Amino acid sequence: MGDFFLKYYSELTKGFEYTALIIGLVTYRKYKNTPIKYFILFIFYSVFVEIGGSIPIHLNPGGVFENYGYLLKYKFFYSNYWWYGLFWTIGSVLFWSFFYQQIIHIKNYKTVLNFSTYVFVVCISIYTLIHIDQFFKTVLTFNKMFGSIIILIAIVLYFLNVLQSDIILSFYKSIYFYISMSLFFWWIITMPLYFYQKFVFVDSTELIKLISLTRLFANAIMYGTFTLALAFCKPEKSLHL
């Protein structure tokens, strides 16, 4: 069973994303006057990033678009590291910062998150320019780590906001709570795996399989929660309030 999941890892992950996107599009009208409309657009963005990131694979010999493989001679198309580094490692962090600033009510918390995001943008811009060659060859660990910290700060500030407001009385009904919890659990499951593989030499096939299955499980839980939350939760907090 494990080998089956590993064989179709990419297809299963995309399936989770597409399911969440379909439900998001179906329920868009229900959430169009709330910050959730941005969340639905982010799911669409995630699918777009995954599709774009798979293009270099299809340009290789035997790929769907192998006739256009000559594009690989250009540095930009040599691999997909720059794509994920730009649109996922950086782009997703900026989205989550923006999203949580829409749903956090306490001004000081919003200020902290906003300031942290500005610092993030400045620091990773400088770091990326200094290590521009590595940017095209791998996902920069500094950018990944810093971005993860920003997302964690956003989630923690949201939870603190909930604890200090009337939302705590009905938090279990809030779509923002389910999104935050699933994102938080995804973070604590996948980030240690990333740093373990990055800094520890892993030569065990079974261990690598276990790490991949754990990531797949985390993706399934997160996107599954997104899907169910979009389908069954009720809209809250109009953007016009």
Protein backbone atom coordinates (compact mmCIF):
# COMPACT_ATOMS: atom_id res chain seq x y z
CA MET A 1 0.00 0.00 0.00
CA GLY A 2 2.83 2.38 0.86
CA ASP A 3 4.48 1.76 -2.51
CA PHE A 4 1.21 2.62 -4.25
CA PHE A 5 0.99 5.96 -2.46
CA LEU A 6 4.63 6.73 -3.28
CA LYS A 7 4.18 5.80 -6.93
CA TYR A 8 1.27 8.20 -7.30
CA TYR A 9 2.53 10.79 -4.81
CA SER A 10 2.32 13.68 -7.26
CA GLU A 11 -1.08 12.66 -8.65
CA LEU A 12 -2.57 12.22 -5.18
CA THR A 13 -1.25 15.58 -3.97
CA LYS A 14 -2.66 17.33 -7.04
CA GLY A 15 -5.92 15.47 -6.49
CA PHE A 16 -6.22 16.92 -2.97
CA GLU A 17 -5.51 20.41 -4.32
CA TYR A 18 -7.96 20.11 -7.22
CA THR A 19 -10.70 18.85 -4.91
CA ALA A 20 -10.23 21.84 -2.59
CA LEU A 21 -10.21 24.18 -5.59
CA ILE A 22 -13.42 22.72 -7.03
CA ILE A 23 -15.22 23.06 -3.69
CA GLY A 24 -13.81 26.57 -3.35
CA LEU A 25 -15.16 27.59 -6.75
CA VAL A 26 -18.54 26.02 -6.00
CA THR A 27 -18.82 27.87 -2.67
CA TYR A 28 -17.25 31.13 -3.86
CA ARG A 29 -20.57 33.00 -3.93
CA LYS A 30 -21.16 32.05 -0.31
CA TYR A 31 -17.86 33.61 0.77
CA LYS A 32 -17.49 36.43 -1.78
CA ASN A 33 -18.01 39.14 0.88
CA THR A 34 -15.52 37.67 3.34
CA PRO A 35 -11.71 37.23 3.40
CA ILE A 36 -12.28 33.60 2.43
CA LYS A 37 -12.58 34.75 -1.17
CA TYR A 38 -8.83 35.47 -1.00
CA PHE A 39 -8.25 32.01 0.45
CA ILE A 40 -10.07 30.43 -2.49
CA LEU A 41 -7.94 32.46 -4.88
CA PHE A 42 -4.87 31.18 -3.02
CA ILE A 43 -5.92 27.58 -3.62
CA PHE A 44 -6.18 28.44 -7.33
CA TYR A 45 -2.73 30.03 -7.06
CA SER A 46 -1.38 26.84 -5.43
CA VAL A 47 -2.65 24.72 -8.32
CA PHE A 48 -1.11 27.18 -10.79
CA VAL A 49 2.26 26.97 -9.02
CA GLU A 50 2.18 23.16 -9.07
CA ILE A 51 1.35 23.09 -12.78
CA GLY A 52 4.08 25.61 -13.56
CA GLY A 53 6.59 23.71 -11.47
CA SER A 54 6.00 20.51 -13.46
CA ILE A 55 6.86 22.11 -16.82
CA PRO A 56 10.65 21.44 -16.66
CA ILE A 57 9.91 17.74 -16.09
CA HIS A 58 7.77 17.60 -19.22
CA LEU A 59 10.49 19.38 -21.24
CA ASN A 60 12.99 16.59 -20.58
CA PRO A 61 13.40 13.69 -23.04
CA GLY A 62 10.34 11.47 -22.80
CA GLY A 63 8.26 14.30 -21.38
CA VAL A 64 4.99 15.53 -22.83
CA PHE A 65 6.66 18.61 -24.31
CA GLU A 66 10.07 17.13 -25.14
CA ASN A 67 10.04 18.89 -28.54
CA TYR A 68 10.48 22.12 -26.61
CA GLY A 69 13.37 20.76 -24.61
CA TYR A 70 15.68 23.32 -26.18
CA LEU A 71 14.27 25.73 -23.59
CA LEU A 72 16.35 23.89 -21.00
CA LYS A 73 19.44 25.64 -22.33
CA TYR A 74 18.12 28.78 -20.70
CA LYS A 75 18.93 29.02 -17.02
CA PHE A 76 15.36 29.89 -16.03
CA PHE A 77 14.06 26.60 -17.42
CA TYR A 78 16.88 24.38 -16.23
CA SER A 79 14.99 23.37 -13.10
CA ASN A 80 11.93 24.35 -11.09
CA TYR A 81 13.78 25.47 -7.96
CA TRP A 82 13.58 29.15 -8.89
CA TRP A 83 9.86 28.74 -9.61
CA TYR A 84 9.03 27.25 -6.22
CA GLY A 85 11.48 29.57 -4.48
CA LEU A 86 9.77 32.63 -5.94
CA PHE A 87 6.09 31.68 -6.11
CA TRP A 88 5.83 29.25 -3.21
CA THR A 89 8.54 29.90 -0.61
CA ILE A 90 8.07 33.67 -0.97
CA GLY A 91 4.65 34.14 -2.58
CA SER A 92 2.72 31.92 -0.19
CA VAL A 93 4.25 33.67 2.83
CA LEU A 94 3.10 37.05 1.54
CA PHE A 95 -0.40 35.67 1.01
CA TRP A 96 -0.73 34.22 4.50
CA SER A 97 0.51 37.47 6.01
CA PHE A 98 -2.09 39.40 4.02
CA PHE A 99 -4.84 36.89 4.84
CA TYR A 100 -4.26 36.94 8.58
CA GLN A 101 -4.12 40.72 8.61
CA GLN A 102 -7.69 40.59 7.26
CA ILE A 103 -9.02 38.41 10.07
CA ILE A 104 -6.99 39.60 13.07
CA HIS A 105 -8.86 42.37 14.87
CA ILE A 106 -6.30 43.52 17.45
CA LYS A 107 -4.34 46.42 15.97
CA ASN A 108 -1.06 45.66 17.75
CA TYR A 109 -1.06 42.10 16.42
CA LYS A 110 -1.69 43.31 12.87
CA THR A 111 1.17 45.80 13.26
CA VAL A 112 3.55 43.08 14.45
CA LEU A 113 2.65 40.84 11.53
CA ASN A 114 2.89 43.67 9.01
CA PHE A 115 6.30 44.77 10.32
CA SER A 116 7.57 41.16 10.36
CA THR A 117 6.52 40.76 6.75
CA TYR A 118 8.38 43.90 5.67
CA VAL A 119 11.50 42.62 7.42
CA PHE A 120 11.03 39.26 5.69
CA VAL A 121 10.80 40.86 2.24
CA VAL A 122 13.88 43.02 2.77
CA CYS A 123 16.01 40.21 4.25
CA ILE A 124 15.18 37.54 1.68
CA SER A 125 15.60 40.02 -1.18
CA ILE A 126 19.13 40.82 -0.03
CA TYR A 127 19.95 37.18 0.72
CA THR A 128 18.61 35.96 -2.62
CA LEU A 129 20.59 38.57 -4.58
CA ILE A 130 23.76 37.54 -2.75
CA HIS A 131 23.10 33.84 -3.45
CA ILE A 132 21.45 34.25 -6.84
CA ASP A 133 23.31 31.28 -8.38
CA GLN A 134 22.07 28.96 -5.64
CA PHE A 135 18.55 30.33 -6.10
CA PHE A 136 18.38 28.52 -9.46
CA LYS A 137 19.85 25.29 -8.12
CA THR A 138 18.00 24.72 -4.84
CA VAL A 139 15.41 26.14 -2.46
CA LEU A 140 17.35 28.53 -0.25
CA THR A 141 17.19 27.28 3.34
CA PHE A 142 17.29 30.80 4.78
CA ASN A 143 14.24 31.85 2.73
CA LYS A 144 12.41 28.66 3.66
CA MET A 145 13.15 29.05 7.36
CA PHE A 146 12.34 32.76 7.51
CA GLY A 147 9.10 32.27 5.58
CA SER A 148 8.03 29.46 7.91
CA ILE A 149 8.63 31.71 10.90
CA ILE A 150 6.39 34.42 9.40
CA ILE A 151 3.58 31.92 8.81
CA LEU A 152 3.95 30.59 12.35
CA ILE A 153 3.83 34.13 13.75
CA ALA A 154 0.64 34.80 11.77
CA ILE A 155 -1.06 31.65 13.09
CA VAL A 156 -0.02 32.29 16.71
CA LEU A 157 -1.23 35.89 16.54
CA TYR A 158 -4.56 34.68 15.18
CA PHE A 159 -4.97 32.21 18.05
CA LEU A 160 -4.09 34.93 20.57
CA ASN A 161 -6.66 37.17 18.90
CA VAL A 162 -9.29 34.45 19.30
CA LEU A 163 -8.45 33.96 22.99
CA GLN A 164 -8.89 37.69 23.64
CA SER A 165 -12.20 38.11 21.87
CA ASP A 166 -15.77 36.79 21.88
CA ILE A 167 -14.80 34.46 19.03
CA ILE A 168 -13.55 32.00 21.65
CA LEU A 169 -17.19 31.22 22.54
CA SER A 170 -17.86 29.75 19.11
CA PHE A 171 -14.40 29.11 17.68
CA TYR A 172 -15.39 25.59 16.62
CA LYS A 173 -17.79 27.09 14.08
CA SER A 174 -15.20 29.36 12.48
CA ILE A 175 -13.73 28.47 9.10
CA TYR A 176 -10.68 30.55 10.02
CA PHE A 177 -10.05 28.27 12.99
CA TYR A 178 -10.06 25.12 10.85
CA ILE A 179 -7.84 26.70 8.22
CA SER A 180 -5.39 27.82 10.92
CA MET A 181 -5.35 24.49 12.75
CA SER A 182 -4.75 22.46 9.58
CA LEU A 183 -2.04 24.87 8.43
CA PHE A 184 -0.41 24.75 11.87
CA PHE A 185 -0.37 20.92 11.99
CA TRP A 186 0.97 20.82 8.42
CA TRP A 187 3.76 23.17 9.51
CA ILE A 188 4.81 21.19 12.60
CA ILE A 189 4.77 17.93 10.60
CA THR A 190 6.56 18.98 7.41
CA MET A 191 9.09 21.58 8.55
CA PRO A 192 11.07 19.23 10.86
CA LEU A 193 11.20 16.74 7.96
CA TYR A 194 12.57 19.42 5.63
CA PHE A 195 15.37 20.42 8.01
CA TYR A 196 16.15 16.80 8.83
CA GLN A 197 16.65 15.95 5.15
CA LYS A 198 18.56 19.19 4.59
CA PHE A 199 21.11 18.82 7.35
CA VAL A 200 21.23 15.07 8.05
CA PHE A 201 22.62 12.62 5.52
CA VAL A 202 19.78 10.19 4.80
CA ASP A 203 20.80 6.98 3.02
CA SER A 204 18.02 4.69 4.21
CA THR A 205 15.46 3.92 1.50
CA GLU A 206 12.84 3.00 4.07
CA LEU A 207 13.39 6.25 5.95
CA ILE A 208 13.06 8.31 2.77
CA LYS A 209 9.82 6.45 1.98
CA LEU A 210 8.51 7.14 5.47
CA ILE A 211 9.29 10.86 5.12
CA SER A 212 7.50 11.00 1.76
CA LEU A 213 4.45 9.17 3.12
CA THR A 214 4.36 11.54 6.11
CA ARG A 215 4.37 14.54 3.76
CA LEU A 216 1.58 12.99 1.71
CA PHE A 217 -0.43 12.38 4.87
CA ALA A 218 0.09 15.99 5.98
CA ASN A 219 -1.04 17.27 2.57
CA ALA A 220 -4.12 15.04 2.66
CA ILE A 221 -5.12 16.27 6.12
CA MET A 222 -4.56 19.94 5.26
CA TYR A 223 -6.37 20.00 1.92
CA GLY A 224 -9.04 17.67 3.25
CA THR A 225 -9.71 20.09 6.10
CA PHE A 226 -9.77 23.02 3.66
CA THR A 227 -12.33 21.18 1.53
CA LEU A 228 -14.63 20.26 4.42
CA ALA A 229 -14.36 23.73 5.99
CA LEU A 230 -15.32 25.43 2.72
CA ALA A 231 -18.22 23.05 2.21
CA PHE A 232 -19.78 23.10 5.69
CA CYS A 233 -18.77 26.29 7.49
CA LYS A 234 -20.84 29.46 7.32
CA PRO A 235 -19.54 32.84 6.09
CA GLU A 236 -18.42 35.30 8.74
CA LYS A 237 -17.07 38.85 8.95
CA SER A 238 -18.03 40.91 5.92
CA LEU A 239 -15.19 42.78 4.23
CA HIS A 240 -17.33 45.91 4.47
CA LEU A 241 -17.54 45.92 8.26
